[in-house]
């Protein structure tokens, strides 16, 4: 076995492992950002629903008192 080709193979393997680790880290970051955005949109949606319900309740109370 040629020592040069062995060294090249090890270097390629190490680069691949490092690249895979970097890709895995980027995927974790991407999923964390996606999850945060979904959570934020859920909170905003719930806030809008609460505001709409509050406005509806106020309208009902106003109509009842009239």
PDB file of N, CA and C in Angstrom:
ATOM      1  N   UNK A   1       0.848  -1.189   0.000  1.00  0.00           N
ATOM      2  CA  UNK A   1       0.000   0.000   0.000  1.00  0.00           C
ATOM      3  C   UNK A   1       0.887   1.244   0.000  1.00  0.00           C
ATOM      4  N   UNK A   2       0.544   2.149  -0.804  1.00  0.00           N
ATOM      5  CA  UNK A   2       1.317   3.376  -0.944  1.00  0.00           C
ATOM      6  C   UNK A   2       1.010   4.308   0.242  1.00  0.00           C
ATOM      7  N   UNK A   3       2.049   4.745   0.982  1.00  0.00           N
ATOM      8  CA  UNK A   3       1.804   5.621   2.149  1.00  0.00           C
ATOM      9  C   UNK A   3       1.134   6.938   1.774  1.00  0.00           C
ATOM     10  N   UNK A   4       1.420   7.434   0.580  1.00  0.00           N
ATOM     11  CA  UNK A   4       0.817   8.703   0.159  1.00  0.00           C
ATOM     12  C   UNK A   4      -0.684   8.555  -0.012  1.00  0.00           C
ATOM     13  N   UNK A   5      -1.124   7.482  -0.648  1.00  0.00           N
ATOM     14  CA  UNK A   5      -2.555   7.301  -0.842  1.00  0.00           C
ATOM     15  C   UNK A   5      -3.252   7.059   0.497  1.00  0.00           C
ATOM     16  N   UNK A   6      -2.556   6.405   1.416  1.00  0.00           N
ATOM     17  CA  UNK A   6      -3.124   6.177   2.748  1.00  0.00           C
ATOM     18  C   UNK A   6      -3.316   7.509   3.468  1.00  0.00           C
ATOM     19  N   UNK A   7      -2.340   8.378   3.366  1.00  0.00           N
ATOM     20  CA  UNK A   7      -2.434   9.686   4.006  1.00  0.00           C
ATOM     21  C   UNK A   7      -3.563  10.500   3.384  1.00  0.00           C
ATOM     22  N   UNK A   8      -3.714  10.399   2.073  1.00  0.00           N
ATOM     23  CA  UNK A   8      -4.795  11.116   1.386  1.00  0.00           C
ATOM     24  C   UNK A   8      -6.141  10.595   1.855  1.00  0.00           C
ATOM     25  N   UNK A   9      -6.276   9.275   1.965  1.00  0.00           N
ATOM     26  CA  UNK A   9      -7.531   8.689   2.423  1.00  0.00           C
ATOM     27  C   UNK A   9      -7.875   9.139   3.835  1.00  0.00           C
ATOM     28  N   UNK A  10      -6.885   9.174   4.716  1.00  0.00           N
ATOM     29  CA  UNK A  10      -7.134   9.616   6.091  1.00  0.00           C
ATOM     30  C   UNK A  10      -7.570  11.073   6.094  1.00  0.00           C
ATOM     31  N   UNK A  11      -6.906  11.886   5.302  1.00  0.00           N
ATOM     32  CA  UNK A  11      -7.263  13.306   5.234  1.00  0.00           C
ATOM     33  C   UNK A  11      -8.690  13.468   4.721  1.00  0.00           C
ATOM     34  N   UNK A  12      -9.039  12.731   3.699  1.00  0.00           N
ATOM     35  CA  UNK A  12     -10.399  12.809   3.159  1.00  0.00           C
ATOM     36  C   UNK A  12     -11.401  12.355   4.220  1.00  0.00           C
ATOM     37  N   UNK A  13     -11.081  11.271   4.922  1.00  0.00           N
ATOM     38  CA  UNK A  13     -11.987  10.786   5.955  1.00  0.00           C
ATOM     39  C   UNK A  13     -12.153  11.814   7.067  1.00  0.00           C
ATOM     40  N   UNK A  14     -11.047  12.429   7.492  1.00  0.00           N
ATOM     41  CA  UNK A  14     -11.128  13.436   8.554  1.00  0.00           C
ATOM     42  C   UNK A  14     -11.943  14.650   8.095  1.00  0.00           C
ATOM     43  N   UNK A  15     -11.728  15.067   6.882  1.00  0.00           N
ATOM     44  CA  UNK A  15     -12.477  16.208   6.353  1.00  0.00           C
ATOM     45  C   UNK A  15     -13.961  15.858   6.289  1.00  0.00           C
ATOM     46  N   UNK A  16     -14.261  14.639   5.897  1.00  0.00           N
ATOM     47  CA  UNK A  16     -15.655  14.224   5.797  1.00  0.00           C
ATOM     48  C   UNK A  16     -16.316  14.208   7.169  1.00  0.00           C
ATOM     49  N   UNK A  17     -15.589  13.713   8.165  1.00  0.00           N
ATOM     50  CA  UNK A  17     -16.131  13.682   9.520  1.00  0.00           C
ATOM     51  C   UNK A  17     -16.354  15.103  10.030  1.00  0.00           C
ATOM     52  N   UNK A  18     -15.384  15.982   9.790  1.00  0.00           N
ATOM     53  CA  UNK A  18     -15.542  17.374  10.222  1.00  0.00           C
ATOM     54  C   UNK A  18     -16.697  18.048   9.475  1.00  0.00           C
ATOM     55  N   UNK A  19     -16.787  17.782   8.182  1.00  0.00           N
ATOM     56  CA  UNK A  19     -17.884  18.361   7.394  1.00  0.00           C
ATOM     57  C   UNK A  19     -19.231  17.836   7.879  1.00  0.00           C
ATOM     58  N   UNK A  20     -19.279  16.545   8.164  1.00  0.00           N
ATOM     59  CA  UNK A  20     -20.529  15.961   8.657  1.00  0.00           C
ATOM     60  C   UNK A  20     -20.925  16.585   9.983  1.00  0.00           C
ATOM     61  N   UNK A  21     -19.948  16.822  10.834  1.00  0.00           N
ATOM     62  CA  UNK A  21     -20.225  17.454  12.126  1.00  0.00           C
ATOM     63  C   UNK A  21     -20.738  18.883  11.931  1.00  0.00           C
ATOM     64  N   UNK A  22     -20.116  19.596  11.000  1.00  0.00           N
ATOM     65  CA  UNK A  22     -20.558  20.971  10.724  1.00  0.00           C
ATOM     66  C   UNK A  22     -21.966  20.978  10.143  1.00  0.00           C
ATOM     67  N   UNK A  23     -22.242  20.048   9.240  1.00  0.00           N
ATOM     68  CA  UNK A  23     -23.582  19.959   8.652  1.00  0.00           C
ATOM     69  C   UNK A  23     -24.606  19.613   9.719  1.00  0.00           C
ATOM     70  N   UNK A  24     -24.252  18.678  10.606  1.00  0.00           N
ATOM     71  CA  UNK A  24     -25.169  18.306  11.685  1.00  0.00           C
ATOM     72  C   UNK A  24     -25.438  19.506  12.598  1.00  0.00           C
ATOM     73  N   UNK A  25     -24.410  20.280  12.886  1.00  0.00           N
ATOM     74  CA  UNK A  25     -24.590  21.476  13.720  1.00  0.00           C
ATOM     75  C   UNK A  25     -25.499  22.491  13.035  1.00  0.00           C
ATOM     76  N   UNK A  26     -25.292  22.689  11.738  1.00  0.00           N
ATOM     77  CA  UNK A  26     -26.148  23.627  10.998  1.00  0.00           C
ATOM     78  C   UNK A  26     -27.595  23.149  10.962  1.00  0.00           C
ATOM     79  N   UNK A  27     -27.783  21.828  10.812  1.00  0.00           N
ATOM     80  CA  UNK A  27     -29.148  21.288  10.827  1.00  0.00           C
ATOM     81  C   UNK A  27     -29.805  21.513  12.181  1.00  0.00           C
ATOM     82  N   UNK A  28     -29.047  21.279  13.261  1.00  0.00           N
ATOM     83  CA  UNK A  28     -29.615  21.509  14.601  1.00  0.00           C
ATOM     84  C   UNK A  28     -30.000  22.970  14.785  1.00  0.00           C
ATOM     85  N   UNK A  29     -29.127  23.878  14.307  1.00  0.00           N
ATOM     86  CA  UNK A  29     -29.431  25.309  14.406  1.00  0.00           C
ATOM     87  C   UNK A  29     -30.673  25.636  13.574  1.00  0.00           C
ATOM     88  N   UNK A  30     -30.728  25.083  12.369  1.00  0.00           N
ATOM     89  CA  UNK A  30     -31.878  25.323  11.499  1.00  0.00           C
ATOM     90  C   UNK A  30     -33.176  24.835  12.111  1.00  0.00           C
ATOM     91  N   UNK A  31     -33.142  23.631  12.697  1.00  0.00           N
ATOM     92  CA  UNK A  31     -34.348  23.100  13.334  1.00  0.00           C
ATOM     93  C   UNK A  31     -34.735  23.926  14.553  1.00  0.00           C
ATOM     94  N   UNK A  32     -33.737  24.417  15.304  1.00  0.00           N
ATOM     95  CA  UNK A  32     -34.030  25.253  16.470  1.00  0.00           C
ATOM     96  C   UNK A  32     -34.695  26.562  16.030  1.00  0.00           C
ATOM     97  N   UNK A  33     -34.189  27.149  14.958  1.00  0.00           N
ATOM     98  CA  UNK A  33     -34.782  28.393  14.437  1.00  0.00           C
ATOM     99  C   UNK A  33     -36.196  28.126  13.952  1.00  0.00           C
ATOM    100  N   UNK A  34     -36.379  27.019  13.233  1.00  0.00           N
ATOM    101  CA  UNK A  34     -37.718  26.666  12.719  1.00  0.00           C
ATOM    102  C   UNK A  34     -38.696  26.477  13.878  1.00  0.00           C
ATOM    103  N   UNK A  35     -38.239  25.760  14.913  1.00  0.00           N
ATOM    104  CA  UNK A  35     -39.101  25.518  16.065  1.00  0.00           C
ATOM    105  C   UNK A  35     -39.465  26.826  16.760  1.00  0.00           C
ATOM    106  N   UNK A  36     -38.487  27.716  16.891  1.00  0.00           N
ATOM    107  CA  UNK A  36     -38.749  29.008  17.517  1.00  0.00           C
ATOM    108  C   UNK A  36     -39.741  29.825  16.705  1.00  0.00           C
ATOM    109  N   UNK A  37     -39.606  29.779  15.379  1.00  0.00           N
ATOM    110  CA  UNK A  37     -40.539  30.526  14.527  1.00  0.00           C
ATOM    111  C   UNK A  37     -41.951  29.945  14.619  1.00  0.00           C
ATOM    112  N   UNK A  38     -42.051  28.609  14.655  1.00  0.00           N
ATOM    113  CA  UNK A  38     -43.373  27.985  14.796  1.00  0.00           C
ATOM    114  C   UNK A  38     -43.995  28.339  16.139  1.00  0.00           C
ATOM    115  N   UNK A  39     -43.180  28.311  17.180  1.00  0.00           N
ATOM    116  CA  UNK A  39     -43.675  28.657  18.509  1.00  0.00           C
ATOM    117  C   UNK A  39     -44.138  30.107  18.543  1.00  0.00           C
ATOM    118  N   UNK A  40     -43.343  30.983  17.931  1.00  0.00           N
ATOM    119  CA  UNK A  40     -43.698  32.401  17.895  1.00  0.00           C
ATOM    120  C   UNK A  40     -45.014  32.611  17.135  1.00  0.00           C
ATOM    121  N   UNK A  41     -45.166  31.927  16.002  1.00  0.00           N
ATOM    122  CA  UNK A  41     -46.399  32.106  15.231  1.00  0.00           C
ATOM    123  C   UNK A  41     -47.597  31.567  16.007  1.00  0.00           C
ATOM    124  N   UNK A  42     -47.393  30.513  16.778  1.00  0.00           N
ATOM    125  CA  UNK A  42     -48.476  29.975  17.603  1.00  0.00           C
ATOM    126  C   UNK A  42     -48.857  30.977  18.690  1.00  0.00           C
ATOM    127  N   UNK A  43     -47.855  31.580  19.322  1.00  0.00           N
ATOM    128  CA  UNK A  43     -48.121  32.572  20.369  1.00  0.00           C
ATOM    129  C   UNK A  43     -48.838  33.776  19.784  1.00  0.00           C
ATOM    130  N   UNK A  44     -48.375  34.258  18.639  1.00  0.00           N
ATOM    131  CA  UNK A  44     -49.020  35.411  17.988  1.00  0.00           C
ATOM    132  C   UNK A  44     -50.451  35.053  17.619  1.00  0.00           C
ATOM    133  N   UNK A  45     -50.653  33.854  17.094  1.00  0.00           N
ATOM    134  CA  UNK A  45     -52.000  33.414  16.725  1.00  0.00           C
ATOM    135  C   UNK A  45     -52.894  33.356  17.958  1.00  0.00           C
ATOM    136  N   UNK A  46     -52.380  32.813  19.059  1.00  0.00           N
ATOM    137  CA  UNK A  46     -53.160  32.738  20.294  1.00  0.00           C
ATOM    138  C   UNK A  46     -53.474  34.131  20.829  1.00  0.00           C
ATOM    139  N   UNK A  47     -52.499  35.053  20.738  1.00  0.00           N
ATOM    140  CA  UNK A  47     -52.733  36.427  21.175  1.00  0.00           C
ATOM    141  C   UNK A  47     -53.827  37.085  20.337  1.00  0.00           C
ATOM    142  N   UNK A  48     -53.788  36.856  19.030  1.00  0.00           N
ATOM    143  CA  UNK A  48     -54.816  37.436  18.150  1.00  0.00           C
ATOM    144  C   UNK A  48     -56.183  36.865  18.489  1.00  0.00           C
ATOM    145  N   UNK A  49     -56.233  35.564  18.769  1.00  0.00           N
ATOM    146  CA  UNK A  49     -57.508  34.939  19.128  1.00  0.00           C
ATOM    147  C   UNK A  49     -58.037  35.545  20.425  1.00  0.00           C
ATOM    148  N   UNK A  50     -57.128  35.721  21.401  1.00  0.00           N
ATOM    149  CA  UNK A  50     -57.550  36.320  22.672  1.00  0.00           C
ATOM    150  C   UNK A  50     -58.048  37.744  22.471  1.00  0.00           C
ATOM    151  N   UNK A  51     -57.339  38.501  21.628  1.00  0.00           N
ATOM    152  CA  UNK A  51     -57.759  39.886  21.361  1.00  0.00           C
ATOM    153  C   UNK A  51     -59.125  39.887  20.672  1.00  0.00           C
ATOM    154  N   UNK A  52     -59.302  39.005  19.676  1.00  0.00           N
ATOM    155  CA  UNK A  52     -60.591  38.917  18.979  1.00  0.00           C
ATOM    156  C   UNK A  52     -61.702  38.523  19.946  1.00  0.00           C
ATOM    157  N   UNK A  53     -61.433  37.564  20.824  1.00  0.00           N
ATOM    158  CA  UNK A  53     -62.424  37.146  21.817  1.00  0.00           C
ATOM    159  C   UNK A  53     -62.750  38.288  22.773  1.00  0.00           C
ATOM    160  N   UNK A  54     -61.722  39.034  23.163  1.00  0.00           N
ATOM    161  CA  UNK A  54     -61.926  40.159  24.071  1.00  0.00           C
ATOM    162  C   UNK A  54     -62.791  41.222  23.405  1.00  0.00           C
ATOM    163  N   UNK A  55     -62.511  41.501  22.146  1.00  0.00           N
ATOM    164  CA  UNK A  55     -63.313  42.499  21.415  1.00  0.00           C
ATOM    165  C   UNK A  55     -64.754  42.007  21.287  1.00  0.00           C
ATOM    166  N   UNK A  56     -64.923  40.718  20.985  1.00  0.00           N
ATOM    167  CA  UNK A  56     -66.272  40.158  20.866  1.00  0.00           C
ATOM    168  C   UNK A  56     -67.010  40.250  22.192  1.00  0.00           C
ATOM    169  N   UNK A  57     -66.301  39.927  23.291  1.00  0.00           N
ATOM    170  CA  UNK A  57     -66.925  40.009  24.620  1.00  0.00           C
ATOM    171  C   UNK A  57     -67.326  41.436  24.945  1.00  0.00           C
ATOM    172  N   UNK A  58     -66.470  42.388  24.600  1.00  0.00           N
ATOM    173  CA  UNK A  58     -66.797  43.785  24.879  1.00  0.00           C
ATOM    174  C   UNK A  58     -68.012  44.224  24.058  1.00  0.00           C
ATOM    175  N   UNK A  59     -68.069  43.759  22.818  1.00  0.00           N
ATOM    176  CA  UNK A  59     -69.222  44.092  21.974  1.00  0.00           C
ATOM    177  C   UNK A  59     -70.495  43.492  22.533  1.00  0.00           C
ATOM    178  N   UNK A  60     -70.420  42.274  23.043  1.00  0.00           N
ATOM    179  CA  UNK A  60     -71.583  41.611  23.631  1.00  0.00           C
ATOM    180  C   UNK A  60     -72.023  42.337  24.883  1.00  0.00           C
ATOM    181  N   UNK A  61     -71.068  42.748  25.703  1.00  0.00           N
ATOM    182  CA  UNK A  61     -71.410  43.470  26.939  1.00  0.00           C
ATOM    183  C   UNK A  61     -72.056  44.813  26.619  1.00  0.00           C
ATOM    184  N   UNK A  62     -71.532  45.499  25.590  1.00  0.00           N
ATOM    185  CA  UNK A  62     -72.076  46.799  25.206  1.00  0.00           C
ATOM    186  C   UNK A  62     -73.499  46.638  24.682  1.00  0.00           C
ATOM    187  N   UNK A  63     -73.723  45.605  23.869  1.00  0.00           N
ATOM    188  CA  UNK A  63     -75.059  45.378  23.323  1.00  0.00           C
ATOM    189  C   UNK A  63     -76.031  44.983  24.430  1.00  0.00           C
ATOM    190  N   UNK A  64     -75.556  44.221  25.398  1.00  0.00           N
ATOM    191  CA  UNK A  64     -76.430  43.788  26.490  1.00  0.00           C
ATOM    192  C   UNK A  64     -76.830  44.973  27.363  1.00  0.00           C
ATOM    193  N   UNK A  65     -75.911  45.933  27.534  1.00  0.00           N
ATOM    194  CA  UNK A  65     -76.236  47.067  28.391  1.00  0.00           C
ATOM    195  C   UNK A  65     -77.114  48.089  27.683  1.00  0.00           C
ATOM    196  N   UNK A  66     -77.133  48.045  26.343  1.00  0.00           N
ATOM    197  CA  UNK A  66     -77.966  48.994  25.583  1.00  0.00           C
ATOM    198  C   UNK A  66     -79.378  48.647  25.721  1.00  0.00           C
TER     199      UNK A  66
END
